[in-house]
Amino acid sequence: MITDTEIKIKGIEALINTLGEVEAERFIALLIREPFDYTQWQRTLWANKSVVELSHAAMQLRKKSKAHK
């Protein structure tokens, strides 16, 4: 199990790697500024996707990420 600090660092790194520094900052600002229910958001985020579709998309992203390293 990793510490809370390590989770925060990895989370920020993931945001920056995915969105870039400016958009990652915007994302964080949006979360802080607006009332936000993460659990509800997750329930509706991929409502029209099956587990198989999500898994396939995740595997494709991982392959793409490894190719860029």
PDB file of N, CA and C in Angstrom:
ATOM      1  N   MET A   1       0.846  -1.174   0.000  1.00  0.00           N
ATOM      2  CA  MET A   1       0.000   0.000   0.000  1.00  0.00           C
ATOM      3  C   MET A   1       0.896   1.242   0.000  1.00  0.00           C
ATOM      4  N   ILE A   2       0.525   2.229  -0.837  1.00  0.00           N
ATOM      5  CA  ILE A   2       1.331   3.445  -0.883  1.00  0.00           C
ATOM      6  C   ILE A   2       0.703   4.513   0.006  1.00  0.00           C
ATOM      7  N   THR A   3       1.489   5.501   0.362  1.00  0.00           N
ATOM      8  CA  THR A   3       1.022   6.549   1.272  1.00  0.00           C
ATOM      9  C   THR A   3       0.104   7.533   0.549  1.00  0.00           C
ATOM     10  N   ASP A   4      -0.593   8.345   1.332  1.00  0.00           N
ATOM     11  CA  ASP A   4      -1.454   9.380   0.756  1.00  0.00           C
ATOM     12  C   ASP A   4      -0.647  10.351  -0.098  1.00  0.00           C
ATOM     13  N   THR A   5       0.550  10.692   0.357  1.00  0.00           N
ATOM     14  CA  THR A   5       1.400  11.607  -0.401  1.00  0.00           C
ATOM     15  C   THR A   5       1.780  11.007  -1.745  1.00  0.00           C
ATOM     16  N   GLU A   6       2.112   9.719  -1.758  1.00  0.00           N
ATOM     17  CA  GLU A   6       2.464   9.057  -3.017  1.00  0.00           C
ATOM     18  C   GLU A   6       1.274   9.029  -3.975  1.00  0.00           C
ATOM     19  N   ILE A   7       0.078   8.808  -3.437  1.00  0.00           N
ATOM     20  CA  ILE A   7      -1.125   8.818  -4.270  1.00  0.00           C
ATOM     21  C   ILE A   7      -1.322  10.195  -4.895  1.00  0.00           C
ATOM     22  N   LYS A   8      -1.148  11.248  -4.099  1.00  0.00           N
ATOM     23  CA  LYS A   8      -1.299  12.615  -4.621  1.00  0.00           C
ATOM     24  C   LYS A   8      -0.284  12.887  -5.724  1.00  0.00           C
ATOM     25  N   ILE A   9       0.942  12.499  -5.506  1.00  0.00           N
ATOM     26  CA  ILE A   9       1.995  12.728  -6.503  1.00  0.00           C
ATOM     27  C   ILE A   9       1.685  11.973  -7.788  1.00  0.00           C
ATOM     28  N   LYS A  10       1.332  10.695  -7.661  1.00  0.00           N
ATOM     29  CA  LYS A  10       1.013   9.894  -8.847  1.00  0.00           C
ATOM     30  C   LYS A  10      -0.218  10.438  -9.567  1.00  0.00           C
ATOM     31  N   GLY A  11      -1.189  10.919  -8.817  1.00  0.00           N
ATOM     32  CA  GLY A  11      -2.389  11.496  -9.418  1.00  0.00           C
ATOM     33  C   GLY A  11      -2.077  12.752 -10.215  1.00  0.00           C
ATOM     34  N   ILE A  12      -1.287  13.633  -9.635  1.00  0.00           N
ATOM     35  CA  ILE A  12      -0.894  14.862 -10.338  1.00  0.00           C
ATOM     36  C   ILE A  12      -0.072  14.512 -11.574  1.00  0.00           C
ATOM     37  N   GLU A  13       0.843  13.570 -11.442  1.00  0.00           N
ATOM     38  CA  GLU A  13       1.661  13.152 -12.598  1.00  0.00           C
ATOM     39  C   GLU A  13       0.770  12.587 -13.704  1.00  0.00           C
ATOM     40  N   ALA A  14      -0.230  11.789 -13.329  1.00  0.00           N
ATOM     41  CA  ALA A  14      -1.143  11.212 -14.322  1.00  0.00           C
ATOM     42  C   ALA A  14      -1.933  12.307 -15.031  1.00  0.00           C
ATOM     43  N   LEU A  15      -2.411  13.277 -14.269  1.00  0.00           N
ATOM     44  CA  LEU A  15      -3.145  14.391 -14.881  1.00  0.00           C
ATOM     45  C   LEU A  15      -2.262  15.166 -15.848  1.00  0.00           C
ATOM     46  N   ILE A  16      -1.058  15.489 -15.415  1.00  0.00           N
ATOM     47  CA  ILE A  16      -0.151  16.260 -16.264  1.00  0.00           C
ATOM     48  C   ILE A  16       0.230  15.467 -17.511  1.00  0.00           C
ATOM     49  N   ASN A  17       0.524  14.195 -17.346  1.00  0.00           N
ATOM     50  CA  ASN A  17       0.892  13.360 -18.502  1.00  0.00           C
ATOM     51  C   ASN A  17      -0.252  13.222 -19.494  1.00  0.00           C
ATOM     52  N   THR A  18      -1.472  13.207 -18.997  1.00  0.00           N
ATOM     53  CA  THR A  18      -2.634  13.037 -19.856  1.00  0.00           C
ATOM     54  C   THR A  18      -3.130  14.354 -20.444  1.00  0.00           C
ATOM     55  N   LEU A  19      -3.201  15.382 -19.614  1.00  0.00           N
ATOM     56  CA  LEU A  19      -3.802  16.648 -20.027  1.00  0.00           C
ATOM     57  C   LEU A  19      -2.805  17.755 -20.336  1.00  0.00           C
ATOM     58  N   GLY A  20      -1.592  17.617 -19.835  1.00  0.00           N
ATOM     59  CA  GLY A  20      -0.645  18.724 -19.898  1.00  0.00           C
ATOM     60  C   GLY A  20      -0.820  19.590 -18.653  1.00  0.00           C
ATOM     61  N   GLU A  21       0.155  20.429 -18.377  1.00  0.00           N
ATOM     62  CA  GLU A  21       0.147  21.201 -17.133  1.00  0.00           C
ATOM     63  C   GLU A  21      -1.036  22.157 -17.032  1.00  0.00           C
ATOM     64  N   VAL A  22      -1.316  22.887 -18.091  1.00  0.00           N
ATOM     65  CA  VAL A  22      -2.382  23.895 -18.043  1.00  0.00           C
ATOM     66  C   VAL A  22      -3.751  23.242 -17.861  1.00  0.00           C
ATOM     67  N   GLU A  23      -4.042  22.219 -18.653  1.00  0.00           N
ATOM     68  CA  GLU A  23      -5.345  21.567 -18.559  1.00  0.00           C
ATOM     69  C   GLU A  23      -5.487  20.796 -17.245  1.00  0.00           C
ATOM     70  N   ALA A  24      -4.404  20.238 -16.722  1.00  0.00           N
ATOM     71  CA  ALA A  24      -4.456  19.563 -15.420  1.00  0.00           C
ATOM     72  C   ALA A  24      -4.829  20.571 -14.334  1.00  0.00           C
ATOM     73  N   GLU A  25      -4.254  21.746 -14.401  1.00  0.00           N
ATOM     74  CA  GLU A  25      -4.579  22.810 -13.442  1.00  0.00           C
ATOM     75  C   GLU A  25      -6.049  23.220 -13.568  1.00  0.00           C
ATOM     76  N   ARG A  26      -6.516  23.324 -14.807  1.00  0.00           N
ATOM     77  CA  ARG A  26      -7.933  23.658 -15.028  1.00  0.00           C
ATOM     78  C   ARG A  26      -8.841  22.586 -14.438  1.00  0.00           C
ATOM     79  N   PHE A  27      -8.474  21.312 -14.630  1.00  0.00           N
ATOM     80  CA  PHE A  27      -9.265  20.207 -14.092  1.00  0.00           C
ATOM     81  C   PHE A  27      -9.359  20.300 -12.573  1.00  0.00           C
ATOM     82  N   ILE A  28      -8.236  20.531 -11.925  1.00  0.00           N
ATOM     83  CA  ILE A  28      -8.213  20.650 -10.462  1.00  0.00           C
ATOM     84  C   ILE A  28      -9.063  21.836 -10.019  1.00  0.00           C
ATOM     85  N   ALA A  29      -8.938  22.969 -10.716  1.00  0.00           N
ATOM     86  CA  ALA A  29      -9.729  24.153 -10.379  1.00  0.00           C
ATOM     87  C   ALA A  29     -11.221  23.867 -10.508  1.00  0.00           C
ATOM     88  N   LEU A  30     -11.609  23.131 -11.551  1.00  0.00           N
ATOM     89  CA  LEU A  30     -13.014  22.776 -11.727  1.00  0.00           C
ATOM     90  C   LEU A  30     -13.525  21.930 -10.566  1.00  0.00           C
ATOM     91  N   LEU A  31     -12.722  20.999 -10.121  1.00  0.00           N
ATOM     92  CA  LEU A  31     -13.130  20.139  -9.001  1.00  0.00           C
ATOM     93  C   LEU A  31     -13.289  20.943  -7.718  1.00  0.00           C
ATOM     94  N   ILE A  32     -12.406  21.889  -7.514  1.00  0.00           N
ATOM     95  CA  ILE A  32     -12.445  22.690  -6.295  1.00  0.00           C
ATOM     96  C   ILE A  32     -13.584  23.706  -6.340  1.00  0.00           C
ATOM     97  N   ARG A  33     -13.810  24.305  -7.498  1.00  0.00           N
ATOM     98  CA  ARG A  33     -14.757  25.412  -7.640  1.00  0.00           C
ATOM     99  C   ARG A  33     -16.212  24.959  -7.610  1.00  0.00           C
ATOM    100  N   GLU A  34     -16.520  23.835  -8.217  1.00  0.00           N
ATOM    101  CA  GLU A  34     -17.906  23.412  -8.357  1.00  0.00           C
ATOM    102  C   GLU A  34     -18.245  22.295  -7.377  1.00  0.00           C
ATOM    103  N   PRO A  35     -19.493  22.308  -6.879  1.00  0.00           N
ATOM    104  CA  PRO A  35     -19.913  21.156  -6.071  1.00  0.00           C
ATOM    105  C   PRO A  35     -19.781  19.900  -6.933  1.00  0.00           C
ATOM    106  N   PHE A  36     -19.198  18.872  -6.394  1.00  0.00           N
ATOM    107  CA  PHE A  36     -18.855  17.718  -7.216  1.00  0.00           C
ATOM    108  C   PHE A  36     -19.012  16.439  -6.419  1.00  0.00           C
ATOM    109  N   ASP A  37     -19.797  15.529  -6.937  1.00  0.00           N
ATOM    110  CA  ASP A  37     -19.977  14.218  -6.321  1.00  0.00           C
ATOM    111  C   ASP A  37     -19.252  13.201  -7.195  1.00  0.00           C
ATOM    112  N   TYR A  38     -18.043  12.837  -6.793  1.00  0.00           N
ATOM    113  CA  TYR A  38     -17.203  11.938  -7.587  1.00  0.00           C
ATOM    114  C   TYR A  38     -17.897  10.605  -7.843  1.00  0.00           C
ATOM    115  N   THR A  39     -18.559  10.071  -6.831  1.00  0.00           N
ATOM    116  CA  THR A  39     -19.217   8.775  -6.972  1.00  0.00           C
ATOM    117  C   THR A  39     -20.312   8.841  -8.031  1.00  0.00           C
ATOM    118  N   GLN A  40     -21.133   9.881  -7.984  1.00  0.00           N
ATOM    119  CA  GLN A  40     -22.195  10.037  -8.975  1.00  0.00           C
ATOM    120  C   GLN A  40     -21.599  10.235 -10.368  1.00  0.00           C
ATOM    121  N   TRP A  41     -20.541  11.020 -10.460  1.00  0.00           N
ATOM    122  CA  TRP A  41     -19.868  11.264 -11.734  1.00  0.00           C
ATOM    123  C   TRP A  41     -19.385   9.954 -12.341  1.00  0.00           C
ATOM    124  N   GLN A  42     -18.779   9.091 -11.529  1.00  0.00           N
ATOM    125  CA  GLN A  42     -18.279   7.805 -12.012  1.00  0.00           C
ATOM    126  C   GLN A  42     -19.416   6.906 -12.501  1.00  0.00           C
ATOM    127  N   ARG A  43     -20.564   6.991 -11.843  1.00  0.00           N
ATOM    128  CA  ARG A  43     -21.707   6.158 -12.244  1.00  0.00           C
ATOM    129  C   ARG A  43     -22.224   6.527 -13.625  1.00  0.00           C
ATOM    130  N   THR A  44     -22.098   7.797 -13.984  1.00  0.00           N
ATOM    131  CA  THR A  44     -22.643   8.244 -15.266  1.00  0.00           C
ATOM    132  C   THR A  44     -21.576   8.460 -16.328  1.00  0.00           C
ATOM    133  N   LEU A  45     -20.316   8.427 -15.956  1.00  0.00           N
ATOM    134  CA  LEU A  45     -19.230   8.751 -16.869  1.00  0.00           C
ATOM    135  C   LEU A  45     -19.217   7.839 -18.096  1.00  0.00           C
ATOM    136  N   TRP A  46     -19.331   6.558 -17.875  1.00  0.00           N
ATOM    137  CA  TRP A  46     -19.291   5.595 -18.969  1.00  0.00           C
ATOM    138  C   TRP A  46     -20.568   4.752 -18.998  1.00  0.00           C
ATOM    139  N   ALA A  47     -21.685   5.404 -18.827  1.00  0.00           N
ATOM    140  CA  ALA A  47     -22.966   4.692 -18.726  1.00  0.00           C
ATOM    141  C   ALA A  47     -23.292   3.894 -19.988  1.00  0.00           C
ATOM    142  N   ASN A  48     -22.842   4.358 -21.134  1.00  0.00           N
ATOM    143  CA  ASN A  48     -23.166   3.682 -22.393  1.00  0.00           C
ATOM    144  C   ASN A  48     -22.080   2.734 -22.868  1.00  0.00           C
ATOM    145  N   LYS A  49     -21.115   2.426 -22.019  1.00  0.00           N
ATOM    146  CA  LYS A  49     -20.016   1.538 -22.389  1.00  0.00           C
ATOM    147  C   LYS A  49     -20.095   0.250 -21.577  1.00  0.00           C
ATOM    148  N   SER A  50     -19.810  -0.847 -22.229  1.00  0.00           N
ATOM    149  CA  SER A  50     -19.766  -2.126 -21.516  1.00  0.00           C
ATOM    150  C   SER A  50     -18.400  -2.294 -20.860  1.00  0.00           C
ATOM    151  N   VAL A  51     -18.303  -3.241 -19.976  1.00  0.00           N
ATOM    152  CA  VAL A  51     -17.030  -3.535 -19.322  1.00  0.00           C
ATOM    153  C   VAL A  51     -15.998  -3.946 -20.368  1.00  0.00           C
ATOM    154  N   VAL A  52     -16.420  -4.708 -21.355  1.00  0.00           N
ATOM    155  CA  VAL A  52     -15.509  -5.148 -22.415  1.00  0.00           C
ATOM    156  C   VAL A  52     -14.985  -3.936 -23.194  1.00  0.00           C
ATOM    157  N   GLU A  53     -15.869  -2.998 -23.525  1.00  0.00           N
ATOM    158  CA  GLU A  53     -15.446  -1.798 -24.252  1.00  0.00           C
ATOM    159  C   GLU A  53     -14.467  -0.962 -23.434  1.00  0.00           C
ATOM    160  N   LEU A  54     -14.758  -0.800 -22.153  1.00  0.00           N
ATOM    161  CA  LEU A  54     -13.860  -0.042 -21.274  1.00  0.00           C
ATOM    162  C   LEU A  54     -12.507  -0.735 -21.142  1.00  0.00           C
ATOM    163  N   SER A  55     -12.528  -2.037 -21.006  1.00  0.00           N
ATOM    164  CA  SER A  55     -11.290  -2.798 -20.887  1.00  0.00           C
ATOM    165  C   SER A  55     -10.453  -2.646 -22.158  1.00  0.00           C
ATOM    166  N   HIS A  56     -11.093  -2.762 -23.304  1.00  0.00           N
ATOM    167  CA  HIS A  56     -10.390  -2.625 -24.578  1.00  0.00           C
ATOM    168  C   HIS A  56      -9.772  -1.226 -24.702  1.00  0.00           C
ATOM    169  N   ALA A  57     -10.543  -0.209 -24.356  1.00  0.00           N
ATOM    170  CA  ALA A  57     -10.040   1.168 -24.424  1.00  0.00           C
ATOM    171  C   ALA A  57      -8.847   1.359 -23.487  1.00  0.00           C
ATOM    172  N   ALA A  58      -8.929   0.790 -22.293  1.00  0.00           N
ATOM    173  CA  ALA A  58      -7.830   0.900 -21.333  1.00  0.00           C
ATOM    174  C   ALA A  58      -6.575   0.207 -21.857  1.00  0.00           C
ATOM    175  N   MET A  59      -6.742  -0.967 -22.465  1.00  0.00           N
ATOM    176  CA  MET A  59      -5.586  -1.683 -23.009  1.00  0.00           C
ATOM    177  C   MET A  59      -4.953  -0.899 -24.163  1.00  0.00           C
ATOM    178  N   GLN A  60      -5.774  -0.283 -24.993  1.00  0.00           N
ATOM    179  CA  GLN A  60      -5.251   0.523 -26.101  1.00  0.00           C
ATOM    180  C   GLN A  60      -4.480   1.728 -25.568  1.00  0.00           C
ATOM    181  N   LEU A  61      -5.017   2.369 -24.550  1.00  0.00           N
ATOM    182  CA  LEU A  61      -4.324   3.515 -23.939  1.00  0.00           C
ATOM    183  C   LEU A  61      -2.987   3.089 -23.343  1.00  0.00           C
ATOM    184  N   ARG A  62      -2.984   1.940 -22.700  1.00  0.00           N
ATOM    185  CA  ARG A  62      -1.746   1.446 -22.094  1.00  0.00           C
ATOM    186  C   ARG A  62      -0.691   1.154 -23.171  1.00  0.00           C
ATOM    187  N   LYS A  63      -1.116   0.515 -24.253  1.00  0.00           N
ATOM    188  CA  LYS A  63      -0.180   0.239 -25.348  1.00  0.00           C
ATOM    189  C   LYS A  63       0.372   1.534 -25.917  1.00  0.00           C
ATOM    190  N   LYS A  64      -0.496   2.503 -26.116  1.00  0.00           N
ATOM    191  CA  LYS A  64      -0.082   3.801 -26.653  1.00  0.00           C
ATOM    192  C   LYS A  64       0.893   4.489 -25.701  1.00  0.00           C
ATOM    193  N   SER A  65       0.614   4.404 -24.411  1.00  0.00           N
ATOM    194  CA  SER A  65       1.463   5.024 -23.399  1.00  0.00           C
ATOM    195  C   SER A  65       2.852   4.376 -23.383  1.00  0.00           C
ATOM    196  N   LYS A  66       2.902   3.060 -23.470  1.00  0.00           N
ATOM    197  CA  LYS A  66       4.189   2.351 -23.488  1.00  0.00           C
ATOM    198  C   LYS A  66       4.988   2.676 -24.743  1.00  0.00           C
ATOM    199  N   ALA A  67       4.300   2.879 -25.852  1.00  0.00           N
ATOM    200  CA  ALA A  67       4.965   3.182 -27.115  1.00  0.00           C
ATOM    201  C   ALA A  67       5.647   4.532 -27.094  1.00  0.00           C
ATOM    202  N   HIS A  68       5.143   5.457 -26.273  1.00  0.00           N
ATOM    203  CA  HIS A  68       5.707   6.795 -26.194  1.00  0.00           C
ATOM    204  C   HIS A  68       6.840   6.921 -25.187  1.00  0.00           C
ATOM    205  N   LYS A  69       7.142   5.865 -24.456  1.00  0.00           N
ATOM    206  CA  LYS A  69       8.194   5.944 -23.431  1.00  0.00           C
ATOM    207  C   LYS A  69       9.534   5.610 -23.990  1.00  0.00           C
TER     208      LYS A  69
END
